[in-house]
Amino acid sequence: NVNTAKKIMLDVGAFFVNADVSQG
């Protein structure tokens, strides 16, 4: 549908230890 392209997860990403996700 018209929104499909906005909802696809891509690539590997990054991993964190003891992250504060509220800070971005």
PDBML (XML) file of the C-alpha atoms, coordinates in Angstrom:
<?xml version="1.0" encoding="UTF-8" ?>
<PDBx:datablock datablockName="MODEL"
   xmlns:PDBx="http://pdbml.pdb.org/schema/pdbx-v50.xsd"
   xmlns:xsi="http://www.w3.org/2001/XMLSchema-instance"
   xsi:schemaLocation="http://pdbml.pdb.org/schema/pdbx-v50.xsd pdbx-v50.xsd">
   <PDBx:atom_siteCategory>
      <PDBx:atom_site id="1">
         <PDBx:B_iso_or_equiv>0.00</PDBx:B_iso_or_equiv>
         <PDBx:Cartn_x>0.000</PDBx:Cartn_x>
         <PDBx:Cartn_y>0.000</PDBx:Cartn_y>
         <PDBx:Cartn_z>0.000</PDBx:Cartn_z>
         <PDBx:auth_asym_id>A</PDBx:auth_asym_id>
         <PDBx:auth_atom_id>CA</PDBx:auth_atom_id>
         <PDBx:auth_comp_id>ASN</PDBx:auth_comp_id>
         <PDBx:auth_seq_id>1</PDBx:auth_seq_id>
         <PDBx:group_PDB>ATOM</PDBx:group_PDB>
         <PDBx:label_alt_id xsi:nil="true" />
         <PDBx:label_asym_id>A</PDBx:label_asym_id>
         <PDBx:label_atom_id>CA</PDBx:label_atom_id>
         <PDBx:label_comp_id>ASN</PDBx:label_comp_id>
         <PDBx:label_entity_id>1</PDBx:label_entity_id>
         <PDBx:label_seq_id>1</PDBx:label_seq_id>
         <PDBx:occupancy>1.00</PDBx:occupancy>
         <PDBx:pdbx_PDB_model_num>1</PDBx:pdbx_PDB_model_num>
         <PDBx:type_symbol>C</PDBx:type_symbol>
      </PDBx:atom_site>
      <PDBx:atom_site id="2">
         <PDBx:B_iso_or_equiv>0.00</PDBx:B_iso_or_equiv>
         <PDBx:Cartn_x>1.046</PDBx:Cartn_x>
         <PDBx:Cartn_y>3.658</PDBx:Cartn_y>
         <PDBx:Cartn_z>-0.148</PDBx:Cartn_z>
         <PDBx:auth_asym_id>A</PDBx:auth_asym_id>
         <PDBx:auth_atom_id>CA</PDBx:auth_atom_id>
         <PDBx:auth_comp_id>VAL</PDBx:auth_comp_id>
         <PDBx:auth_seq_id>2</PDBx:auth_seq_id>
         <PDBx:group_PDB>ATOM</PDBx:group_PDB>
         <PDBx:label_alt_id xsi:nil="true" />
         <PDBx:label_asym_id>A</PDBx:label_asym_id>
         <PDBx:label_atom_id>CA</PDBx:label_atom_id>
         <PDBx:label_comp_id>VAL</PDBx:label_comp_id>
         <PDBx:label_entity_id>1</PDBx:label_entity_id>
         <PDBx:label_seq_id>2</PDBx:label_seq_id>
         <PDBx:occupancy>1.00</PDBx:occupancy>
         <PDBx:pdbx_PDB_model_num>1</PDBx:pdbx_PDB_model_num>
         <PDBx:type_symbol>C</PDBx:type_symbol>
      </PDBx:atom_site>
      <PDBx:atom_site id="3">
         <PDBx:B_iso_or_equiv>0.00</PDBx:B_iso_or_equiv>
         <PDBx:Cartn_x>2.599</PDBx:Cartn_x>
         <PDBx:Cartn_y>3.459</PDBx:Cartn_y>
         <PDBx:Cartn_z>3.349</PDBx:Cartn_z>
         <PDBx:auth_asym_id>A</PDBx:auth_asym_id>
         <PDBx:auth_atom_id>CA</PDBx:auth_atom_id>
         <PDBx:auth_comp_id>ASN</PDBx:auth_comp_id>
         <PDBx:auth_seq_id>3</PDBx:auth_seq_id>
         <PDBx:group_PDB>ATOM</PDBx:group_PDB>
         <PDBx:label_alt_id xsi:nil="true" />
         <PDBx:label_asym_id>A</PDBx:label_asym_id>
         <PDBx:label_atom_id>CA</PDBx:label_atom_id>
         <PDBx:label_comp_id>ASN</PDBx:label_comp_id>
         <PDBx:label_entity_id>1</PDBx:label_entity_id>
         <PDBx:label_seq_id>3</PDBx:label_seq_id>
         <PDBx:occupancy>1.00</PDBx:occupancy>
         <PDBx:pdbx_PDB_model_num>1</PDBx:pdbx_PDB_model_num>
         <PDBx:type_symbol>C</PDBx:type_symbol>
      </PDBx:atom_site>
      <PDBx:atom_site id="4">
         <PDBx:B_iso_or_equiv>0.00</PDBx:B_iso_or_equiv>
         <PDBx:Cartn_x>4.532</PDBx:Cartn_x>
         <PDBx:Cartn_y>0.202</PDBx:Cartn_y>
         <PDBx:Cartn_z>2.881</PDBx:Cartn_z>
         <PDBx:auth_asym_id>A</PDBx:auth_asym_id>
         <PDBx:auth_atom_id>CA</PDBx:auth_atom_id>
         <PDBx:auth_comp_id>THR</PDBx:auth_comp_id>
         <PDBx:auth_seq_id>4</PDBx:auth_seq_id>
         <PDBx:group_PDB>ATOM</PDBx:group_PDB>
         <PDBx:label_alt_id xsi:nil="true" />
         <PDBx:label_asym_id>A</PDBx:label_asym_id>
         <PDBx:label_atom_id>CA</PDBx:label_atom_id>
         <PDBx:label_comp_id>THR</PDBx:label_comp_id>
         <PDBx:label_entity_id>1</PDBx:label_entity_id>
         <PDBx:label_seq_id>4</PDBx:label_seq_id>
         <PDBx:occupancy>1.00</PDBx:occupancy>
         <PDBx:pdbx_PDB_model_num>1</PDBx:pdbx_PDB_model_num>
         <PDBx:type_symbol>C</PDBx:type_symbol>
      </PDBx:atom_site>
      <PDBx:atom_site id="5">
         <PDBx:B_iso_or_equiv>0.00</PDBx:B_iso_or_equiv>
         <PDBx:Cartn_x>7.806</PDBx:Cartn_x>
         <PDBx:Cartn_y>1.902</PDBx:Cartn_y>
         <PDBx:Cartn_z>1.970</PDBx:Cartn_z>
         <PDBx:auth_asym_id>A</PDBx:auth_asym_id>
         <PDBx:auth_atom_id>CA</PDBx:auth_atom_id>
         <PDBx:auth_comp_id>ALA</PDBx:auth_comp_id>
         <PDBx:auth_seq_id>5</PDBx:auth_seq_id>
         <PDBx:group_PDB>ATOM</PDBx:group_PDB>
         <PDBx:label_alt_id xsi:nil="true" />
         <PDBx:label_asym_id>A</PDBx:label_asym_id>
         <PDBx:label_atom_id>CA</PDBx:label_atom_id>
         <PDBx:label_comp_id>ALA</PDBx:label_comp_id>
         <PDBx:label_entity_id>1</PDBx:label_entity_id>
         <PDBx:label_seq_id>5</PDBx:label_seq_id>
         <PDBx:occupancy>1.00</PDBx:occupancy>
         <PDBx:pdbx_PDB_model_num>1</PDBx:pdbx_PDB_model_num>
         <PDBx:type_symbol>C</PDBx:type_symbol>
      </PDBx:atom_site>
      <PDBx:atom_site id="6">
         <PDBx:B_iso_or_equiv>0.00</PDBx:B_iso_or_equiv>
         <PDBx:Cartn_x>7.731</PDBx:Cartn_x>
         <PDBx:Cartn_y>3.854</PDBx:Cartn_y>
         <PDBx:Cartn_z>5.238</PDBx:Cartn_z>
         <PDBx:auth_asym_id>A</PDBx:auth_asym_id>
         <PDBx:auth_atom_id>CA</PDBx:auth_atom_id>
         <PDBx:auth_comp_id>LYS</PDBx:auth_comp_id>
         <PDBx:auth_seq_id>6</PDBx:auth_seq_id>
         <PDBx:group_PDB>ATOM</PDBx:group_PDB>
         <PDBx:label_alt_id xsi:nil="true" />
         <PDBx:label_asym_id>A</PDBx:label_asym_id>
         <PDBx:label_atom_id>CA</PDBx:label_atom_id>
         <PDBx:label_comp_id>LYS</PDBx:label_comp_id>
         <PDBx:label_entity_id>1</PDBx:label_entity_id>
         <PDBx:label_seq_id>6</PDBx:label_seq_id>
         <PDBx:occupancy>1.00</PDBx:occupancy>
         <PDBx:pdbx_PDB_model_num>1</PDBx:pdbx_PDB_model_num>
         <PDBx:type_symbol>C</PDBx:type_symbol>
      </PDBx:atom_site>
      <PDBx:atom_site id="7">
         <PDBx:B_iso_or_equiv>0.00</PDBx:B_iso_or_equiv>
         <PDBx:Cartn_x>7.551</PDBx:Cartn_x>
         <PDBx:Cartn_y>0.724</PDBx:Cartn_y>
         <PDBx:Cartn_z>7.390</PDBx:Cartn_z>
         <PDBx:auth_asym_id>A</PDBx:auth_asym_id>
         <PDBx:auth_atom_id>CA</PDBx:auth_atom_id>
         <PDBx:auth_comp_id>LYS</PDBx:auth_comp_id>
         <PDBx:auth_seq_id>7</PDBx:auth_seq_id>
         <PDBx:group_PDB>ATOM</PDBx:group_PDB>
         <PDBx:label_alt_id xsi:nil="true" />
         <PDBx:label_asym_id>A</PDBx:label_asym_id>
         <PDBx:label_atom_id>CA</PDBx:label_atom_id>
         <PDBx:label_comp_id>LYS</PDBx:label_comp_id>
         <PDBx:label_entity_id>1</PDBx:label_entity_id>
         <PDBx:label_seq_id>7</PDBx:label_seq_id>
         <PDBx:occupancy>1.00</PDBx:occupancy>
         <PDBx:pdbx_PDB_model_num>1</PDBx:pdbx_PDB_model_num>
         <PDBx:type_symbol>C</PDBx:type_symbol>
      </PDBx:atom_site>
      <PDBx:atom_site id="8">
         <PDBx:B_iso_or_equiv>0.00</PDBx:B_iso_or_equiv>
         <PDBx:Cartn_x>10.442</PDBx:Cartn_x>
         <PDBx:Cartn_y>-1.411</PDBx:Cartn_y>
         <PDBx:Cartn_z>6.143</PDBx:Cartn_z>
         <PDBx:auth_asym_id>A</PDBx:auth_asym_id>
         <PDBx:auth_atom_id>CA</PDBx:auth_atom_id>
         <PDBx:auth_comp_id>ILE</PDBx:auth_comp_id>
         <PDBx:auth_seq_id>8</PDBx:auth_seq_id>
         <PDBx:group_PDB>ATOM</PDBx:group_PDB>
         <PDBx:label_alt_id xsi:nil="true" />
         <PDBx:label_asym_id>A</PDBx:label_asym_id>
         <PDBx:label_atom_id>CA</PDBx:label_atom_id>
         <PDBx:label_comp_id>ILE</PDBx:label_comp_id>
         <PDBx:label_entity_id>1</PDBx:label_entity_id>
         <PDBx:label_seq_id>8</PDBx:label_seq_id>
         <PDBx:occupancy>1.00</PDBx:occupancy>
         <PDBx:pdbx_PDB_model_num>1</PDBx:pdbx_PDB_model_num>
         <PDBx:type_symbol>C</PDBx:type_symbol>
      </PDBx:atom_site>
      <PDBx:atom_site id="9">
         <PDBx:B_iso_or_equiv>0.00</PDBx:B_iso_or_equiv>
         <PDBx:Cartn_x>13.431</PDBx:Cartn_x>
         <PDBx:Cartn_y>-2.014</PDBx:Cartn_y>
         <PDBx:Cartn_z>8.405</PDBx:Cartn_z>
         <PDBx:auth_asym_id>A</PDBx:auth_asym_id>
         <PDBx:auth_atom_id>CA</PDBx:auth_atom_id>
         <PDBx:auth_comp_id>MET</PDBx:auth_comp_id>
         <PDBx:auth_seq_id>9</PDBx:auth_seq_id>
         <PDBx:group_PDB>ATOM</PDBx:group_PDB>
         <PDBx:label_alt_id xsi:nil="true" />
         <PDBx:label_asym_id>A</PDBx:label_asym_id>
         <PDBx:label_atom_id>CA</PDBx:label_atom_id>
         <PDBx:label_comp_id>MET</PDBx:label_comp_id>
         <PDBx:label_entity_id>1</PDBx:label_entity_id>
         <PDBx:label_seq_id>9</PDBx:label_seq_id>
         <PDBx:occupancy>1.00</PDBx:occupancy>
         <PDBx:pdbx_PDB_model_num>1</PDBx:pdbx_PDB_model_num>
         <PDBx:type_symbol>C</PDBx:type_symbol>
      </PDBx:atom_site>
      <PDBx:atom_site id="10">
         <PDBx:B_iso_or_equiv>0.00</PDBx:B_iso_or_equiv>
         <PDBx:Cartn_x>16.770</PDBx:Cartn_x>
         <PDBx:Cartn_y>-1.771</PDBx:Cartn_y>
         <PDBx:Cartn_z>6.617</PDBx:Cartn_z>
         <PDBx:auth_asym_id>A</PDBx:auth_asym_id>
         <PDBx:auth_atom_id>CA</PDBx:auth_atom_id>
         <PDBx:auth_comp_id>LEU</PDBx:auth_comp_id>
         <PDBx:auth_seq_id>10</PDBx:auth_seq_id>
         <PDBx:group_PDB>ATOM</PDBx:group_PDB>
         <PDBx:label_alt_id xsi:nil="true" />
         <PDBx:label_asym_id>A</PDBx:label_asym_id>
         <PDBx:label_atom_id>CA</PDBx:label_atom_id>
         <PDBx:label_comp_id>LEU</PDBx:label_comp_id>
         <PDBx:label_entity_id>1</PDBx:label_entity_id>
         <PDBx:label_seq_id>10</PDBx:label_seq_id>
         <PDBx:occupancy>1.00</PDBx:occupancy>
         <PDBx:pdbx_PDB_model_num>1</PDBx:pdbx_PDB_model_num>
         <PDBx:type_symbol>C</PDBx:type_symbol>
      </PDBx:atom_site>
      <PDBx:atom_site id="11">
         <PDBx:B_iso_or_equiv>0.00</PDBx:B_iso_or_equiv>
         <PDBx:Cartn_x>20.423</PDBx:Cartn_x>
         <PDBx:Cartn_y>-2.684</PDBx:Cartn_y>
         <PDBx:Cartn_z>7.081</PDBx:Cartn_z>
         <PDBx:auth_asym_id>A</PDBx:auth_asym_id>
         <PDBx:auth_atom_id>CA</PDBx:auth_atom_id>
         <PDBx:auth_comp_id>ASP</PDBx:auth_comp_id>
         <PDBx:auth_seq_id>11</PDBx:auth_seq_id>
         <PDBx:group_PDB>ATOM</PDBx:group_PDB>
         <PDBx:label_alt_id xsi:nil="true" />
         <PDBx:label_asym_id>A</PDBx:label_asym_id>
         <PDBx:label_atom_id>CA</PDBx:label_atom_id>
         <PDBx:label_comp_id>ASP</PDBx:label_comp_id>
         <PDBx:label_entity_id>1</PDBx:label_entity_id>
         <PDBx:label_seq_id>11</PDBx:label_seq_id>
         <PDBx:occupancy>1.00</PDBx:occupancy>
         <PDBx:pdbx_PDB_model_num>1</PDBx:pdbx_PDB_model_num>
         <PDBx:type_symbol>C</PDBx:type_symbol>
      </PDBx:atom_site>
      <PDBx:atom_site id="12">
         <PDBx:B_iso_or_equiv>0.00</PDBx:B_iso_or_equiv>
         <PDBx:Cartn_x>22.320</PDBx:Cartn_x>
         <PDBx:Cartn_y>-3.896</PDBx:Cartn_y>
         <PDBx:Cartn_z>10.132</PDBx:Cartn_z>
         <PDBx:auth_asym_id>A</PDBx:auth_asym_id>
         <PDBx:auth_atom_id>CA</PDBx:auth_atom_id>
         <PDBx:auth_comp_id>VAL</PDBx:auth_comp_id>
         <PDBx:auth_seq_id>12</PDBx:auth_seq_id>
         <PDBx:group_PDB>ATOM</PDBx:group_PDB>
         <PDBx:label_alt_id xsi:nil="true" />
         <PDBx:label_asym_id>A</PDBx:label_asym_id>
         <PDBx:label_atom_id>CA</PDBx:label_atom_id>
         <PDBx:label_comp_id>VAL</PDBx:label_comp_id>
         <PDBx:label_entity_id>1</PDBx:label_entity_id>
         <PDBx:label_seq_id>12</PDBx:label_seq_id>
         <PDBx:occupancy>1.00</PDBx:occupancy>
         <PDBx:pdbx_PDB_model_num>1</PDBx:pdbx_PDB_model_num>
         <PDBx:type_symbol>C</PDBx:type_symbol>
      </PDBx:atom_site>
      <PDBx:atom_site id="13">
         <PDBx:B_iso_or_equiv>0.00</PDBx:B_iso_or_equiv>
         <PDBx:Cartn_x>22.063</PDBx:Cartn_x>
         <PDBx:Cartn_y>-1.015</PDBx:Cartn_y>
         <PDBx:Cartn_z>12.583</PDBx:Cartn_z>
         <PDBx:auth_asym_id>A</PDBx:auth_asym_id>
         <PDBx:auth_atom_id>CA</PDBx:auth_atom_id>
         <PDBx:auth_comp_id>GLY</PDBx:auth_comp_id>
         <PDBx:auth_seq_id>13</PDBx:auth_seq_id>
         <PDBx:group_PDB>ATOM</PDBx:group_PDB>
         <PDBx:label_alt_id xsi:nil="true" />
         <PDBx:label_asym_id>A</PDBx:label_asym_id>
         <PDBx:label_atom_id>CA</PDBx:label_atom_id>
         <PDBx:label_comp_id>GLY</PDBx:label_comp_id>
         <PDBx:label_entity_id>1</PDBx:label_entity_id>
         <PDBx:label_seq_id>13</PDBx:label_seq_id>
         <PDBx:occupancy>1.00</PDBx:occupancy>
         <PDBx:pdbx_PDB_model_num>1</PDBx:pdbx_PDB_model_num>
         <PDBx:type_symbol>C</PDBx:type_symbol>
      </PDBx:atom_site>
      <PDBx:atom_site id="14">
         <PDBx:B_iso_or_equiv>0.00</PDBx:B_iso_or_equiv>
         <PDBx:Cartn_x>24.181</PDBx:Cartn_x>
         <PDBx:Cartn_y>-0.567</PDBx:Cartn_y>
         <PDBx:Cartn_z>15.722</PDBx:Cartn_z>
         <PDBx:auth_asym_id>A</PDBx:auth_asym_id>
         <PDBx:auth_atom_id>CA</PDBx:auth_atom_id>
         <PDBx:auth_comp_id>ALA</PDBx:auth_comp_id>
         <PDBx:auth_seq_id>14</PDBx:auth_seq_id>
         <PDBx:group_PDB>ATOM</PDBx:group_PDB>
         <PDBx:label_alt_id xsi:nil="true" />
         <PDBx:label_asym_id>A</PDBx:label_asym_id>
         <PDBx:label_atom_id>CA</PDBx:label_atom_id>
         <PDBx:label_comp_id>ALA</PDBx:label_comp_id>
         <PDBx:label_entity_id>1</PDBx:label_entity_id>
         <PDBx:label_seq_id>14</PDBx:label_seq_id>
         <PDBx:occupancy>1.00</PDBx:occupancy>
         <PDBx:pdbx_PDB_model_num>1</PDBx:pdbx_PDB_model_num>
         <PDBx:type_symbol>C</PDBx:type_symbol>
      </PDBx:atom_site>
      <PDBx:atom_site id="15">
         <PDBx:B_iso_or_equiv>0.00</PDBx:B_iso_or_equiv>
         <PDBx:Cartn_x>24.319</PDBx:Cartn_x>
         <PDBx:Cartn_y>-2.210</PDBx:Cartn_y>
         <PDBx:Cartn_z>19.130</PDBx:Cartn_z>
         <PDBx:auth_asym_id>A</PDBx:auth_asym_id>
         <PDBx:auth_atom_id>CA</PDBx:auth_atom_id>
         <PDBx:auth_comp_id>PHE</PDBx:auth_comp_id>
         <PDBx:auth_seq_id>15</PDBx:auth_seq_id>
         <PDBx:group_PDB>ATOM</PDBx:group_PDB>
         <PDBx:label_alt_id xsi:nil="true" />
         <PDBx:label_asym_id>A</PDBx:label_asym_id>
         <PDBx:label_atom_id>CA</PDBx:label_atom_id>
         <PDBx:label_comp_id>PHE</PDBx:label_comp_id>
         <PDBx:label_entity_id>1</PDBx:label_entity_id>
         <PDBx:label_seq_id>15</PDBx:label_seq_id>
         <PDBx:occupancy>1.00</PDBx:occupancy>
         <PDBx:pdbx_PDB_model_num>1</PDBx:pdbx_PDB_model_num>
         <PDBx:type_symbol>C</PDBx:type_symbol>
      </PDBx:atom_site>
      <PDBx:atom_site id="16">
         <PDBx:B_iso_or_equiv>0.00</PDBx:B_iso_or_equiv>
         <PDBx:Cartn_x>24.724</PDBx:Cartn_x>
         <PDBx:Cartn_y>-0.401</PDBx:Cartn_y>
         <PDBx:Cartn_z>22.444</PDBx:Cartn_z>
         <PDBx:auth_asym_id>A</PDBx:auth_asym_id>
         <PDBx:auth_atom_id>CA</PDBx:auth_atom_id>
         <PDBx:auth_comp_id>PHE</PDBx:auth_comp_id>
         <PDBx:auth_seq_id>16</PDBx:auth_seq_id>
         <PDBx:group_PDB>ATOM</PDBx:group_PDB>
         <PDBx:label_alt_id xsi:nil="true" />
         <PDBx:label_asym_id>A</PDBx:label_asym_id>
         <PDBx:label_atom_id>CA</PDBx:label_atom_id>
         <PDBx:label_comp_id>PHE</PDBx:label_comp_id>
         <PDBx:label_entity_id>1</PDBx:label_entity_id>
         <PDBx:label_seq_id>16</PDBx:label_seq_id>
         <PDBx:occupancy>1.00</PDBx:occupancy>
         <PDBx:pdbx_PDB_model_num>1</PDBx:pdbx_PDB_model_num>
         <PDBx:type_symbol>C</PDBx:type_symbol>
      </PDBx:atom_site>
      <PDBx:atom_site id="17">
         <PDBx:B_iso_or_equiv>0.00</PDBx:B_iso_or_equiv>
         <PDBx:Cartn_x>25.486</PDBx:Cartn_x>
         <PDBx:Cartn_y>-1.205</PDBx:Cartn_y>
         <PDBx:Cartn_z>26.076</PDBx:Cartn_z>
         <PDBx:auth_asym_id>A</PDBx:auth_asym_id>
         <PDBx:auth_atom_id>CA</PDBx:auth_atom_id>
         <PDBx:auth_comp_id>VAL</PDBx:auth_comp_id>
         <PDBx:auth_seq_id>17</PDBx:auth_seq_id>
         <PDBx:group_PDB>ATOM</PDBx:group_PDB>
         <PDBx:label_alt_id xsi:nil="true" />
         <PDBx:label_asym_id>A</PDBx:label_asym_id>
         <PDBx:label_atom_id>CA</PDBx:label_atom_id>
         <PDBx:label_comp_id>VAL</PDBx:label_comp_id>
         <PDBx:label_entity_id>1</PDBx:label_entity_id>
         <PDBx:label_seq_id>17</PDBx:label_seq_id>
         <PDBx:occupancy>1.00</PDBx:occupancy>
         <PDBx:pdbx_PDB_model_num>1</PDBx:pdbx_PDB_model_num>
         <PDBx:type_symbol>C</PDBx:type_symbol>
      </PDBx:atom_site>
      <PDBx:atom_site id="18">
         <PDBx:B_iso_or_equiv>0.00</PDBx:B_iso_or_equiv>
         <PDBx:Cartn_x>23.687</PDBx:Cartn_x>
         <PDBx:Cartn_y>0.681</PDBx:Cartn_y>
         <PDBx:Cartn_z>28.860</PDBx:Cartn_z>
         <PDBx:auth_asym_id>A</PDBx:auth_asym_id>
         <PDBx:auth_atom_id>CA</PDBx:auth_atom_id>
         <PDBx:auth_comp_id>ASN</PDBx:auth_comp_id>
         <PDBx:auth_seq_id>18</PDBx:auth_seq_id>
         <PDBx:group_PDB>ATOM</PDBx:group_PDB>
         <PDBx:label_alt_id xsi:nil="true" />
         <PDBx:label_asym_id>A</PDBx:label_asym_id>
         <PDBx:label_atom_id>CA</PDBx:label_atom_id>
         <PDBx:label_comp_id>ASN</PDBx:label_comp_id>
         <PDBx:label_entity_id>1</PDBx:label_entity_id>
         <PDBx:label_seq_id>18</PDBx:label_seq_id>
         <PDBx:occupancy>1.00</PDBx:occupancy>
         <PDBx:pdbx_PDB_model_num>1</PDBx:pdbx_PDB_model_num>
         <PDBx:type_symbol>C</PDBx:type_symbol>
      </PDBx:atom_site>
      <PDBx:atom_site id="19">
         <PDBx:B_iso_or_equiv>0.00</PDBx:B_iso_or_equiv>
         <PDBx:Cartn_x>22.029</PDBx:Cartn_x>
         <PDBx:Cartn_y>3.032</PDBx:Cartn_y>
         <PDBx:Cartn_z>26.397</PDBx:Cartn_z>
         <PDBx:auth_asym_id>A</PDBx:auth_asym_id>
         <PDBx:auth_atom_id>CA</PDBx:auth_atom_id>
         <PDBx:auth_comp_id>ALA</PDBx:auth_comp_id>
         <PDBx:auth_seq_id>19</PDBx:auth_seq_id>
         <PDBx:group_PDB>ATOM</PDBx:group_PDB>
         <PDBx:label_alt_id xsi:nil="true" />
         <PDBx:label_asym_id>A</PDBx:label_asym_id>
         <PDBx:label_atom_id>CA</PDBx:label_atom_id>
         <PDBx:label_comp_id>ALA</PDBx:label_comp_id>
         <PDBx:label_entity_id>1</PDBx:label_entity_id>
         <PDBx:label_seq_id>19</PDBx:label_seq_id>
         <PDBx:occupancy>1.00</PDBx:occupancy>
         <PDBx:pdbx_PDB_model_num>1</PDBx:pdbx_PDB_model_num>
         <PDBx:type_symbol>C</PDBx:type_symbol>
      </PDBx:atom_site>
      <PDBx:atom_site id="20">
         <PDBx:B_iso_or_equiv>0.00</PDBx:B_iso_or_equiv>
         <PDBx:Cartn_x>19.773</PDBx:Cartn_x>
         <PDBx:Cartn_y>5.892</PDBx:Cartn_y>
         <PDBx:Cartn_z>27.452</PDBx:Cartn_z>
         <PDBx:auth_asym_id>A</PDBx:auth_asym_id>
         <PDBx:auth_atom_id>CA</PDBx:auth_atom_id>
         <PDBx:auth_comp_id>ASP</PDBx:auth_comp_id>
         <PDBx:auth_seq_id>20</PDBx:auth_seq_id>
         <PDBx:group_PDB>ATOM</PDBx:group_PDB>
         <PDBx:label_alt_id xsi:nil="true" />
         <PDBx:label_asym_id>A</PDBx:label_asym_id>
         <PDBx:label_atom_id>CA</PDBx:label_atom_id>
         <PDBx:label_comp_id>ASP</PDBx:label_comp_id>
         <PDBx:label_entity_id>1</PDBx:label_entity_id>
         <PDBx:label_seq_id>20</PDBx:label_seq_id>
         <PDBx:occupancy>1.00</PDBx:occupancy>
         <PDBx:pdbx_PDB_model_num>1</PDBx:pdbx_PDB_model_num>
         <PDBx:type_symbol>C</PDBx:type_symbol>
      </PDBx:atom_site>
      <PDBx:atom_site id="21">
         <PDBx:B_iso_or_equiv>0.00</PDBx:B_iso_or_equiv>
         <PDBx:Cartn_x>17.344</PDBx:Cartn_x>
         <PDBx:Cartn_y>5.743</PDBx:Cartn_y>
         <PDBx:Cartn_z>24.553</PDBx:Cartn_z>
         <PDBx:auth_asym_id>A</PDBx:auth_asym_id>
         <PDBx:auth_atom_id>CA</PDBx:auth_atom_id>
         <PDBx:auth_comp_id>VAL</PDBx:auth_comp_id>
         <PDBx:auth_seq_id>21</PDBx:auth_seq_id>
         <PDBx:group_PDB>ATOM</PDBx:group_PDB>
         <PDBx:label_alt_id xsi:nil="true" />
         <PDBx:label_asym_id>A</PDBx:label_asym_id>
         <PDBx:label_atom_id>CA</PDBx:label_atom_id>
         <PDBx:label_comp_id>VAL</PDBx:label_comp_id>
         <PDBx:label_entity_id>1</PDBx:label_entity_id>
         <PDBx:label_seq_id>21</PDBx:label_seq_id>
         <PDBx:occupancy>1.00</PDBx:occupancy>
         <PDBx:pdbx_PDB_model_num>1</PDBx:pdbx_PDB_model_num>
         <PDBx:type_symbol>C</PDBx:type_symbol>
      </PDBx:atom_site>
      <PDBx:atom_site id="22">
         <PDBx:B_iso_or_equiv>0.00</PDBx:B_iso_or_equiv>
         <PDBx:Cartn_x>15.538</PDBx:Cartn_x>
         <PDBx:Cartn_y>8.873</PDBx:Cartn_y>
         <PDBx:Cartn_z>25.753</PDBx:Cartn_z>
         <PDBx:auth_asym_id>A</PDBx:auth_asym_id>
         <PDBx:auth_atom_id>CA</PDBx:auth_atom_id>
         <PDBx:auth_comp_id>SER</PDBx:auth_comp_id>
         <PDBx:auth_seq_id>22</PDBx:auth_seq_id>
         <PDBx:group_PDB>ATOM</PDBx:group_PDB>
         <PDBx:label_alt_id xsi:nil="true" />
         <PDBx:label_asym_id>A</PDBx:label_asym_id>
         <PDBx:label_atom_id>CA</PDBx:label_atom_id>
         <PDBx:label_comp_id>SER</PDBx:label_comp_id>
         <PDBx:label_entity_id>1</PDBx:label_entity_id>
         <PDBx:label_seq_id>22</PDBx:label_seq_id>
         <PDBx:occupancy>1.00</PDBx:occupancy>
         <PDBx:pdbx_PDB_model_num>1</PDBx:pdbx_PDB_model_num>
         <PDBx:type_symbol>C</PDBx:type_symbol>
      </PDBx:atom_site>
      <PDBx:atom_site id="23">
         <PDBx:B_iso_or_equiv>0.00</PDBx:B_iso_or_equiv>
         <PDBx:Cartn_x>18.617</PDBx:Cartn_x>
         <PDBx:Cartn_y>10.856</PDBx:Cartn_y>
         <PDBx:Cartn_z>24.683</PDBx:Cartn_z>
         <PDBx:auth_asym_id>A</PDBx:auth_asym_id>
         <PDBx:auth_atom_id>CA</PDBx:auth_atom_id>
         <PDBx:auth_comp_id>GLN</PDBx:auth_comp_id>
         <PDBx:auth_seq_id>23</PDBx:auth_seq_id>
         <PDBx:group_PDB>ATOM</PDBx:group_PDB>
         <PDBx:label_alt_id xsi:nil="true" />
         <PDBx:label_asym_id>A</PDBx:label_asym_id>
         <PDBx:label_atom_id>CA</PDBx:label_atom_id>
         <PDBx:label_comp_id>GLN</PDBx:label_comp_id>
         <PDBx:label_entity_id>1</PDBx:label_entity_id>
         <PDBx:label_seq_id>23</PDBx:label_seq_id>
         <PDBx:occupancy>1.00</PDBx:occupancy>
         <PDBx:pdbx_PDB_model_num>1</PDBx:pdbx_PDB_model_num>
         <PDBx:type_symbol>C</PDBx:type_symbol>
      </PDBx:atom_site>
      <PDBx:atom_site id="24">
         <PDBx:B_iso_or_equiv>0.00</PDBx:B_iso_or_equiv>
         <PDBx:Cartn_x>18.537</PDBx:Cartn_x>
         <PDBx:Cartn_y>9.637</PDBx:Cartn_y>
         <PDBx:Cartn_z>21.091</PDBx:Cartn_z>
         <PDBx:auth_asym_id>A</PDBx:auth_asym_id>
         <PDBx:auth_atom_id>CA</PDBx:auth_atom_id>
         <PDBx:auth_comp_id>GLY</PDBx:auth_comp_id>
         <PDBx:auth_seq_id>24</PDBx:auth_seq_id>
         <PDBx:group_PDB>ATOM</PDBx:group_PDB>
         <PDBx:label_alt_id xsi:nil="true" />
         <PDBx:label_asym_id>A</PDBx:label_asym_id>
         <PDBx:label_atom_id>CA</PDBx:label_atom_id>
         <PDBx:label_comp_id>GLY</PDBx:label_comp_id>
         <PDBx:label_entity_id>1</PDBx:label_entity_id>
         <PDBx:label_seq_id>24</PDBx:label_seq_id>
         <PDBx:occupancy>1.00</PDBx:occupancy>
         <PDBx:pdbx_PDB_model_num>1</PDBx:pdbx_PDB_model_num>
         <PDBx:type_symbol>C</PDBx:type_symbol>
      </PDBx:atom_site>
   </PDBx:atom_siteCategory>
</PDBx:datablock>
